[in-house]
C-alpha atoms as a PDB file:
ATOM      1  CA  UNK A   1      22.954  10.767 -39.440  1.00  0.00           C
ATOM      2  CA  UNK A   2      20.618  13.554 -38.391  1.00  0.00           C
ATOM      3  CA  UNK A   3      16.953  13.237 -39.300  1.00  0.00           C
ATOM      4  CA  UNK A   4      15.871  15.858 -41.818  1.00  0.00           C
ATOM      5  CA  UNK A   5      12.502  17.354 -40.987  1.00  0.00           C
ATOM      6  CA  UNK A   6       9.796  17.265 -43.634  1.00  0.00           C
ATOM      7  CA  UNK A   7      10.248  19.997 -46.205  1.00  0.00           C
ATOM      8  CA  UNK A   8       7.315  22.267 -46.914  1.00  0.00           C
ATOM      9  CA  UNK A   9       6.286  23.735 -50.268  1.00  0.00           C
ATOM     10  CA  UNK A  10       8.165  26.996 -49.685  1.00  0.00           C
ATOM     11  CA  UNK A  11      11.420  25.143 -48.947  1.00  0.00           C
ATOM     12  CA  UNK A  12      10.966  22.946 -51.999  1.00  0.00           C
ATOM     13  CA  UNK A  13      10.360  25.986 -54.161  1.00  0.00           C
ATOM     14  CA  UNK A  14      13.539  27.565 -52.777  1.00  0.00           C
ATOM     15  CA  UNK A  15      15.533  24.409 -53.506  1.00  0.00           C
ATOM     16  CA  UNK A  16      14.217  24.218 -57.053  1.00  0.00           C
ATOM     17  CA  UNK A  17      15.078  27.854 -57.617  1.00  0.00           C
ATOM     18  CA  UNK A  18      11.490  28.563 -58.597  1.00  0.00           C
ATOM     19  CA  UNK A  19      12.148  27.144 -62.056  1.00  0.00           C
ATOM     20  CA  UNK A  20       9.142  24.859 -62.147  1.00  0.00           C
ATOM     21  CA  UNK A  21      11.181  21.764 -61.300  1.00  0.00           C
ATOM     22  CA  UNK A  22       8.524  20.556 -58.862  1.00  0.00           C
ATOM     23  CA  UNK A  23       6.090  18.369 -60.772  1.00  0.00           C
ATOM     24  CA  UNK A  24       3.162  19.082 -58.453  1.00  0.00           C
ATOM     25  CA  UNK A  25       2.090  21.788 -56.079  1.00  0.00           C
ATOM     26  CA  UNK A  26       0.665  19.128 -53.757  1.00  0.00           C
ATOM     27  CA  UNK A  27       3.535  18.647 -51.285  1.00  0.00           C
ATOM     28  CA  UNK A  28       2.084  15.301 -50.142  1.00  0.00           C
ATOM     29  CA  UNK A  29       2.996  13.830 -53.522  1.00  0.00           C
ATOM     30  CA  UNK A  30       5.859  16.085 -54.670  1.00  0.00           C
ATOM     31  CA  UNK A  31       8.501  14.664 -56.990  1.00  0.00           C
ATOM     32  CA  UNK A  32      11.314  17.124 -57.570  1.00  0.00           C
ATOM     33  CA  UNK A  33      13.275  16.304 -60.734  1.00  0.00           C
ATOM     34  CA  UNK A  34      16.137  18.801 -61.009  1.00  0.00           C
ATOM     35  CA  UNK A  35      17.102  18.746 -64.679  1.00  0.00           C
ATOM     36  CA  UNK A  36      20.467  20.417 -64.056  1.00  0.00           C
ATOM     37  CA  UNK A  37      21.840  17.309 -62.283  1.00  0.00           C
ATOM     38  CA  UNK A  38      22.339  13.987 -64.091  1.00  0.00           C
ATOM     39  CA  UNK A  39      20.512  10.957 -62.761  1.00  0.00           C
ATOM     40  CA  UNK A  40      22.691   8.814 -60.496  1.00  0.00           C
ATOM     41  CA  UNK A  41      24.574  11.767 -59.001  1.00  0.00           C
ATOM     42  CA  UNK A  42      24.543  13.481 -55.628  1.00  0.00           C
ATOM     43  CA  UNK A  43      24.607  17.216 -55.090  1.00  0.00           C
ATOM     44  CA  UNK A  44      24.325  19.841 -52.369  1.00  0.00           C
ATOM     45  CA  UNK A  45      21.388  22.294 -52.410  1.00  0.00           C
ATOM     46  CA  UNK A  46      19.907  24.357 -49.594  1.00  0.00           C
ATOM     47  CA  UNK A  47      22.070  22.817 -46.866  1.00  0.00           C
ATOM     48  CA  UNK A  48      21.124  19.255 -47.788  1.00  0.00           C
ATOM     49  CA  UNK A  49      22.834  16.451 -49.649  1.00  0.00           C
ATOM     50  CA  UNK A  50      20.548  15.142 -52.391  1.00  0.00           C
ATOM     51  CA  UNK A  51      20.704  12.154 -54.721  1.00  0.00           C
ATOM     52  CA  UNK A  52      18.942  12.017 -58.088  1.00  0.00           C
ATOM     53  CA  UNK A  53      17.556   8.506 -58.578  1.00  0.00           C
ATOM     54  CA  UNK A  54      18.510   6.657 -61.753  1.00  0.00           C
ATOM     55  CA  UNK A  55      16.760   3.735 -63.429  1.00  0.00           C
ATOM     56  CA  UNK A  56      17.507   0.499 -61.589  1.00  0.00           C
ATOM     57  CA  UNK A  57      18.245   2.135 -58.217  1.00  0.00           C
ATOM     58  CA  UNK A  58      16.773   0.682 -55.038  1.00  0.00           C
ATOM     59  CA  UNK A  59      16.509   2.446 -51.707  1.00  0.00           C
ATOM     60  CA  UNK A  60      18.599  -0.253 -50.067  1.00  0.00           C
ATOM     61  CA  UNK A  61      21.425   0.277 -52.576  1.00  0.00           C
ATOM     62  CA  UNK A  62      21.216   4.065 -52.182  1.00  0.00           C
ATOM     63  CA  UNK A  63      21.235   3.724 -48.383  1.00  0.00           C
ATOM     64  CA  UNK A  64      24.285   1.446 -48.505  1.00  0.00           C
ATOM     65  CA  UNK A  65      26.139   3.835 -50.820  1.00  0.00           C
ATOM     66  CA  UNK A  66      25.581   6.785 -48.488  1.00  0.00           C
ATOM     67  CA  UNK A  67      26.004   4.926 -45.185  1.00  0.00           C
ATOM     68  CA  UNK A  68      22.431   5.302 -43.996  1.00  0.00           C
ATOM     69  CA  UNK A  69      19.285   3.179 -43.793  1.00  0.00           C
ATOM     70  CA  UNK A  70      16.145   2.798 -45.879  1.00  0.00           C
ATOM     71  CA  UNK A  71      14.114   3.907 -42.851  1.00  0.00           C
ATOM     72  CA  UNK A  72      16.199   7.092 -42.549  1.00  0.00           C
ATOM     73  CA  UNK A  73      15.798   7.875 -46.264  1.00  0.00           C
ATOM     74  CA  UNK A  74      12.047   7.431 -45.944  1.00  0.00           C
ATOM     75  CA  UNK A  75      11.984   9.678 -42.854  1.00  0.00           C
ATOM     76  CA  UNK A  76      13.980  12.335 -44.746  1.00  0.00           C
ATOM     77  CA  UNK A  77      11.603  12.203 -47.739  1.00  0.00           C
ATOM     78  CA  UNK A  78       8.042  11.604 -46.506  1.00  0.00           C
ATOM     79  CA  UNK A  79       6.407  13.183 -49.556  1.00  0.00           C
ATOM     80  CA  UNK A  80       8.573  11.495 -52.165  1.00  0.00           C
ATOM     81  CA  UNK A  81       8.976   8.039 -50.608  1.00  0.00           C
ATOM     82  CA  UNK A  82       5.511   6.825 -49.645  1.00  0.00           C
ATOM     83  CA  UNK A  83       6.362   3.192 -50.451  1.00  0.00           C
ATOM     84  CA  UNK A  84       9.953   1.983 -49.988  1.00  0.00           C
ATOM     85  CA  UNK A  85       9.474  -0.431 -52.888  1.00  0.00           C
ATOM     86  CA  UNK A  86       8.401   2.290 -55.322  1.00  0.00           C
ATOM     87  CA  UNK A  87      10.800   5.077 -56.270  1.00  0.00           C
ATOM     88  CA  UNK A  88      11.022   6.985 -59.528  1.00  0.00           C
ATOM     89  CA  UNK A  89      14.004   7.630 -61.781  1.00  0.00           C
ATOM     90  CA  UNK A  90      14.689  11.339 -61.982  1.00  0.00           C
ATOM     91  CA  UNK A  91      13.350  12.175 -58.511  1.00  0.00           C
ATOM     92  CA  UNK A  92      15.756  13.849 -56.098  1.00  0.00           C
ATOM     93  CA  UNK A  93      15.775  12.631 -52.502  1.00  0.00           C
ATOM     94  CA  UNK A  94      17.381  14.090 -49.382  1.00  0.00           C
ATOM     95  CA  UNK A  95      20.226  11.989 -48.035  1.00  0.00           C
ATOM     96  CA  UNK A  96      21.162  14.219 -45.060  1.00  0.00           C
ATOM     97  CA  UNK A  97      21.842  17.753 -43.859  1.00  0.00           C
ATOM     98  CA  UNK A  98      25.300  19.124 -44.563  1.00  0.00           C
END
């Protein structure tokens, strides 16, 4: 799976549609929670496959489901996944480019 480069604020704003779905303007700690997608589902936005984390998810389970690794998920989401043992329900993470 191809590594997805770090998104910048402008890209995140484009992905969110400018609807205020980004909880912080500080990209180093951004948590995008797209309300239009239910938790526990994947979706395509801006040329990337995303997954919206649900309560009880772990990165290892998400990685297994999508045929990738925890390390790759962390590399794809440097601002959202600072600690692989701490993810937040509702956050959307990049799985891969499509």
